[in-house]
C-alpha cells in the first residue's frame, strides 16, 4: 500500500506555532500504545511473591484475554504496509515486566525496531516491580531505540531527544514501581529541568516538537487521579506550553481522547491491542501527518475482528468535549 492509500483522514483544528526553521515536508508518524504482551513461559512461581500476585489475579479475572497477540501481529503488519516514516510507542509493552514478556514484545516488534524508525518510552507495567526498575529491564531490551549507538552509559537518561526529518521527538519516563493497585506516575524535577534545557538547546519553538509520555495528562475522576494519574502533570503541561511543544502523545487509559492546553495538543491513541468490539475500546492506532511544520491531519486505523486486519477508521482522536474519564 502506498503512503497515499492510508485511508480516511481529516483536518486538525486548534492553534499552532508557525515554524521558523525550514520545514522538511510531509512526515507520517504512527502512534501505538498499551500492547500488554503476556508471556509466562519459564517463569518461576517465586516471581509472583510481590505485586505480580495481584496483577496475575487481574489477568486471570476481569482482564483475561483482553490484549491479544494476534492483534499485535496484525498491527505490526499494518504498520509495515502503511510505509510510515516513524513509529511512536507510549509504553506498557508488557503486563508484569517479566524478562519473558520483554523478549516476546521485542521479537514481535523486531520487523520495525530500528532507531531511525521507532521511538519508545516505558509505561507503568514495564516498571511493574522495584526489581524491574533496579535492573533497568526496559532499557536493556529497548535502549537501542531510545539512545543512538555509541551513547555513553552516563548519557542514557530521560528525556532522550531524536531528530526525525526535522521534527524533534522527546521521550520522558513517567513510570515508577508502586504498591499493589496503585499506578500513578511522576516525571520528577530532574527530567523537567532536562526537558527545559533540551527545549533551549534544540529550539523547540522554531520546529515541530513531539513529546512522548505514558501517563495521561487529562483530568479524570478524583479516585482515578489519585490511584492512576500523573502526579506532576500540570507542571509538565505548563512547561511544554512555555517551551513551544506542539504535540504531547500518551497512553495509559486505553481509550482515545484529545484536549488542548494553551498551544499544545495532547492526544491519547487508546490501546492498540484491546480485544473488544465496543467502539470506544476496539484496538486502534493513530497516524499523524506533520506537514510544513504543522499537524495537518490525524488518521485512526481500527482493528476489524472479522477480517483480522486494521482498517481506516476516519478522523483520529475525538474532540476535546469527548475526553473520556475511563
Foldseek 3Di string as FASTA:
>chain_A
DELVVAFFWDFDDAFAFQFPDFALFKAKEWEAEQQAFDDCPPPDPVVCPFLVVVLVVCCVPVVPPFFDPLLLLQVLVVVVVNPHQAYEYQENQHQQLDLRSLVVSCVSNVVQQALRHYAYEYFQNNQADVVSVVVVSVCVSRVCNQDPPPDDPVPSDPFGWDAHSQEIETEAEQYDHDHHQARETERDPVNLVVVLVVLVVSVLQNFAYEYHHAFALDDADPVCCGRHHYPCSVVVLVSCLVSRHAEYEYERPQFWAWDDDNNHIYIYQGHQGGPDPPPRRFHKMKMFIQGSRHGTIIWMWTADPVVSHTHTDHGGGDDNVPDDND
